[in-house]
C-alpha cells in the first residue's frame, strides 16, 4: 500500500499532539535526550540507505550541482522566510495559538528530504521505513510543539497527508511506466542520495553539523534528470 507510511505519519502527529496536550510540562532535559535518540536513529537509517549506492559519480555530480543551485538561490533561507511571513500573517487574524501551531508544524513536517524520499520509496518499492522513522520524529516534535503552540498543531496532518500522498501516488504511476531493471536501478540510487540527505538531518538533530538541507533538495531532481538521461541515452 503506497500510502501506508503517509497514513502512519499522520497518525503519529495526532498522537503526539494529544500527548502534548496531556503532558504539557515535560522537563527540557527529557525532551533533549529523546530528540538525541531520534537523531541517532535518523543518522543510522541515512547511513544504511547511502551505502546502497552503485554509481557514486552520478550521485556526487547531482549533489554538487543541486547544492550549487540551492545555495545560489538561497533556497533554505527563502523557505524559512516564507514560513516566517506565513506565521506573521496568520497570527494577526486571531486564534493565534491555533493558526501559529498549524503553520509552524506544517512547515516543519512537510519541508524536508524525508518527506520527498520517504514518499518516493513508499510509492516505488513499498518500503516505508523512512516515513515510519519520520512519523516517530514528527510525533515527538508534535508533542513538543503542542506544549508551546497549542492544539493547532494537529491540523498539520491534512497538508502532510496531501503532500506526501501525492508524491507516493505519482511514484506508483512511474512504477508502471518503467522497465523493471531500470526501476530497480533508479530505486537503489535514489535511496542512496536520499540517505545522504537523511544522514545530514540526523547530524543536524544531534547538533554535530549545521548543514542547510534545503539547499540540497534540488539534488534529488537533478539526479532524476541525470539518471534517466544516462539510462536511455548512453
Protein backbone atom coordinates (compact mmCIF):
# COMPACT_ATOMS: atom_id res chain seq x y z
CA UNK A 1 0.00 0.00 0.00
CA UNK A 2 1.69 3.16 -1.25
CA UNK A 3 0.02 5.43 1.30
CA UNK A 4 0.69 3.33 4.39
CA UNK A 5 3.77 5.28 5.50
CA UNK A 6 1.97 8.60 4.97
CA UNK A 7 -1.05 7.47 7.00
CA UNK A 8 1.19 6.25 9.84
CA UNK A 9 2.95 9.62 9.72
CA UNK A 10 -0.37 11.41 10.11
CA UNK A 11 -1.44 9.12 12.96
CA UNK A 12 1.78 9.78 14.88
CA UNK A 13 1.29 13.54 14.55
CA UNK A 14 -2.20 13.18 16.02
CA UNK A 15 -0.95 11.02 18.88
CA UNK A 16 1.95 13.41 19.53
CA UNK A 17 -0.42 16.36 19.68
CA UNK A 18 -2.68 14.57 22.15
CA UNK A 19 0.30 13.67 24.33
CA UNK A 20 1.46 17.28 24.16
CA UNK A 21 -1.91 18.43 25.47
CA UNK A 22 -1.91 15.85 28.26
CA UNK A 23 1.74 16.20 29.27
CA UNK A 24 2.26 19.93 28.89
CA UNK A 25 5.06 20.23 31.47
CA UNK A 26 7.72 17.82 30.17
CA UNK A 27 11.18 18.78 31.52
CA UNK A 28 13.53 20.19 28.89
CA UNK A 29 16.25 17.64 29.62
CA UNK A 30 13.87 14.78 28.79
CA UNK A 31 12.88 16.45 25.51
CA UNK A 32 16.52 16.95 24.56
CA UNK A 33 17.51 13.38 25.41
CA UNK A 34 14.61 11.91 23.44
CA UNK A 35 15.43 14.13 20.47
CA UNK A 36 19.05 12.98 20.55
CA UNK A 37 17.90 9.37 20.45
CA UNK A 38 15.77 10.14 17.41
CA UNK A 39 18.75 11.89 15.81
CA UNK A 40 20.91 8.79 16.23
CA UNK A 41 18.28 6.58 14.60
CA UNK A 42 17.80 9.03 11.71
CA UNK A 43 21.57 9.10 11.12
CA UNK A 44 21.73 5.29 11.18
CA UNK A 45 18.94 4.99 8.60
CA UNK A 46 20.69 7.54 6.42
CA UNK A 47 23.91 5.51 6.51
CA UNK A 48 22.08 2.27 5.71
CA UNK A 49 20.40 3.91 2.73
CA UNK A 50 23.52 5.69 1.47
CA UNK A 51 25.70 2.56 1.25
CA UNK A 52 23.39 1.13 -1.43
CA UNK A 53 24.96 3.47 -3.99
CA UNK A 54 26.49 1.90 -7.09
CA UNK A 55 27.06 4.96 -9.25
CA UNK A 56 28.98 7.26 -6.91
CA UNK A 57 29.94 9.69 -9.67
CA UNK A 58 26.32 10.29 -10.66
CA UNK A 59 25.35 10.90 -7.05
CA UNK A 60 28.33 13.19 -6.48
CA UNK A 61 27.52 15.29 -9.55
CA UNK A 62 23.86 15.51 -8.53
CA UNK A 63 24.76 16.68 -5.03
CA UNK A 64 27.32 19.19 -6.28
CA UNK A 65 25.11 20.73 -8.96
CA UNK A 66 21.97 20.56 -6.81
CA UNK A 67 23.68 22.19 -3.84
CA UNK A 68 25.18 24.91 -6.05
CA UNK A 69 21.72 25.69 -7.41
CA UNK A 70 20.14 25.63 -3.95
CA UNK A 71 22.86 27.79 -2.40
CA UNK A 72 22.83 30.22 -5.33
CA UNK A 73 19.14 30.94 -4.93
CA UNK A 74 19.34 30.72 -1.10
CA UNK A 75 16.64 28.03 -1.16
CA UNK A 76 16.64 27.14 2.54
CA UNK A 77 16.71 30.80 3.57
CA UNK A 78 13.77 31.52 1.27
CA UNK A 79 11.81 28.59 2.68
CA UNK A 80 12.44 29.94 6.18
CA UNK A 81 11.37 33.44 5.14
CA UNK A 82 8.16 32.09 3.61
CA UNK A 83 7.41 30.27 6.84
CA UNK A 84 8.05 33.35 8.95
CA UNK A 85 5.82 35.51 6.73
CA UNK A 86 3.00 32.98 6.88
CA UNK A 87 3.26 32.82 10.66
CA UNK A 88 3.09 36.61 10.95
CA UNK A 89 0.09 36.88 8.64
CA UNK A 90 -1.98 34.19 10.28
CA UNK A 91 -1.12 35.34 13.80
CA UNK A 92 -2.79 38.70 13.05
CA UNK A 93 -6.12 37.09 12.23
CA UNK A 94 -6.93 35.87 15.70
CA UNK A 95 -6.77 32.35 17.13
CA UNK A 96 -3.04 32.92 17.47
CA UNK A 97 -2.16 29.58 19.02
CA UNK A 98 -4.29 27.58 16.60
CA UNK A 99 -3.02 29.18 13.39
CA UNK A 100 0.57 29.56 14.54
CA UNK A 101 0.70 25.94 15.65
CA UNK A 102 -0.80 24.79 12.35
CA UNK A 103 1.56 26.79 10.13
CA UNK A 104 4.70 26.10 12.15
CA UNK A 105 4.06 22.35 12.35
CA UNK A 106 3.13 22.11 8.67
CA UNK A 107 6.38 23.76 7.59
CA UNK A 108 8.44 21.51 9.84
CA UNK A 109 6.69 18.28 8.83
CA UNK A 110 6.34 18.94 5.08
CA UNK A 111 9.51 20.76 4.03
CA UNK A 112 12.39 18.33 4.07
CA UNK A 113 14.19 15.48 2.40
CA UNK A 114 12.48 12.77 4.44
CA UNK A 115 9.05 13.76 3.10
CA UNK A 116 10.15 13.51 -0.53
CA UNK A 117 12.44 10.48 -0.26
CA UNK A 118 10.11 8.59 2.08
CA UNK A 119 7.07 9.13 -0.13
CA UNK A 120 9.04 8.12 -3.24
CA UNK A 121 10.27 4.94 -1.53
CA UNK A 122 6.74 4.08 -0.46
CA UNK A 123 5.33 4.56 -3.94
CA UNK A 124 8.16 2.98 -5.91
CA UNK A 125 9.03 -0.06 -3.80
CA UNK A 126 6.51 -0.21 -0.95
CA UNK A 127 9.34 0.46 1.54
CA UNK A 128 8.00 2.72 4.28
CA UNK A 129 10.99 2.66 6.66
CA UNK A 130 11.88 6.31 6.07
CA UNK A 131 8.32 7.50 6.62
CA UNK A 132 7.95 5.30 9.71
CA UNK A 133 11.04 6.96 11.17
CA UNK A 134 9.77 10.38 10.12
CA UNK A 135 6.45 9.50 11.76
CA UNK A 136 8.12 8.95 15.15
CA UNK A 137 10.18 12.11 14.72
CA UNK A 138 7.12 14.15 13.75
CA UNK A 139 5.11 12.65 16.60
CA UNK A 140 7.73 13.70 19.12
CA UNK A 141 8.05 17.17 17.57
CA UNK A 142 4.24 17.49 17.54
CA UNK A 143 4.21 16.77 21.26
CA UNK A 144 6.90 19.41 21.91
CA UNK A 145 5.24 22.00 19.64
CA UNK A 146 1.86 21.43 21.23
CA UNK A 147 3.25 22.24 24.69
CA UNK A 148 4.21 25.70 23.40
CA UNK A 149 1.92 26.50 20.44
CA UNK A 150 -1.29 24.70 21.35
CA UNK A 151 -3.58 22.17 19.69
CA UNK A 152 -3.45 23.84 16.25
CA UNK A 153 -0.52 21.50 15.54
CA UNK A 154 -2.95 18.64 14.94
CA UNK A 155 -4.34 20.28 11.78
CA UNK A 156 -0.94 19.94 10.10
CA UNK A 157 -1.95 16.32 9.45
CA UNK A 158 -4.02 17.47 6.46
CA UNK A 159 -1.24 19.06 4.34
CA UNK A 160 1.20 16.31 5.38
CA UNK A 161 -1.08 13.58 4.04
CA UNK A 162 -1.97 15.53 0.89
CA UNK A 163 1.68 16.37 0.10
CA UNK A 164 3.31 13.03 0.83
CA UNK A 165 0.35 11.09 -0.51
CA UNK A 166 0.53 12.92 -3.84
CA UNK A 167 4.24 12.12 -4.21
CA UNK A 168 3.66 8.45 -3.34
CA UNK A 169 0.80 8.09 -5.83
CA UNK A 170 2.88 9.79 -8.54
CA UNK A 171 5.69 7.34 -7.80
CA UNK A 172 3.24 4.44 -8.26
CA UNK A 173 2.47 5.70 -11.76
CA UNK A 174 6.19 5.96 -12.55
CA UNK A 175 6.48 2.36 -11.36
CA UNK A 176 4.02 1.30 -14.07
CA UNK A 177 5.81 3.06 -16.91
CA UNK A 178 9.40 1.91 -16.39
CA UNK A 179 11.02 -1.47 -17.19
CA UNK A 180 11.82 -3.42 -14.04
CA UNK A 181 15.61 -3.31 -14.43
CA UNK A 182 15.55 0.47 -14.92
CA UNK A 183 13.21 0.88 -11.97
CA UNK A 184 15.41 -1.27 -9.71
CA UNK A 185 18.49 0.79 -10.51
CA UNK A 186 16.60 4.04 -10.02
CA UNK A 187 15.26 2.96 -6.62
CA UNK A 188 18.74 1.90 -5.47
CA UNK A 189 20.45 5.14 -6.47
CA UNK A 190 17.57 7.37 -5.34
CA UNK A 191 17.62 5.62 -1.97
CA UNK A 192 21.35 6.30 -1.71
CA UNK A 193 21.13 10.01 -2.46
CA UNK A 194 18.15 10.35 -0.15
CA UNK A 195 20.11 8.52 2.53
CA UNK A 196 22.88 11.12 2.38
CA UNK A 197 20.34 13.89 2.94
CA UNK A 198 18.73 11.97 5.80
CA UNK A 199 22.16 11.38 7.36
CA UNK A 200 22.66 15.15 7.27
CA UNK A 201 19.32 15.62 9.03
CA UNK A 202 20.40 13.22 11.77
CA UNK A 203 23.71 15.05 12.23
CA UNK A 204 21.84 18.36 12.47
CA UNK A 205 19.45 16.96 15.07
CA UNK A 206 22.48 15.83 17.09
CA UNK A 207 23.92 19.35 16.66
CA UNK A 208 27.10 17.91 15.16
CA UNK A 209 26.63 19.93 11.96
CA UNK A 210 24.55 22.84 10.71
CA UNK A 211 24.01 21.68 7.15
CA UNK A 212 21.39 23.64 5.19
CA UNK A 213 19.40 20.65 3.98
CA UNK A 214 17.02 22.82 1.96
CA UNK A 215 19.87 23.93 -0.30
CA UNK A 216 20.48 20.28 -1.24
CA UNK A 217 16.88 19.49 -2.24
CA UNK A 218 17.46 20.34 -5.94
CA UNK A 219 19.96 17.46 -5.99
CA UNK A 220 17.05 14.98 -5.89
CA UNK A 221 15.56 16.39 -9.09
CA UNK A 222 18.97 16.82 -10.76
CA UNK A 223 19.65 13.15 -10.03
CA UNK A 224 16.36 12.09 -11.67
CA UNK A 225 17.30 14.00 -14.84
CA UNK A 226 20.85 12.62 -14.84
CA UNK A 227 19.81 9.04 -14.17
CA UNK A 228 17.25 8.74 -16.94
CA UNK A 229 19.49 10.62 -19.36
CA UNK A 230 22.25 8.14 -18.53
CA UNK A 231 19.98 5.08 -18.86
CA UNK A 232 18.22 5.99 -22.08
CA UNK A 233 20.89 7.98 -23.92
CA UNK A 234 24.12 6.17 -23.06
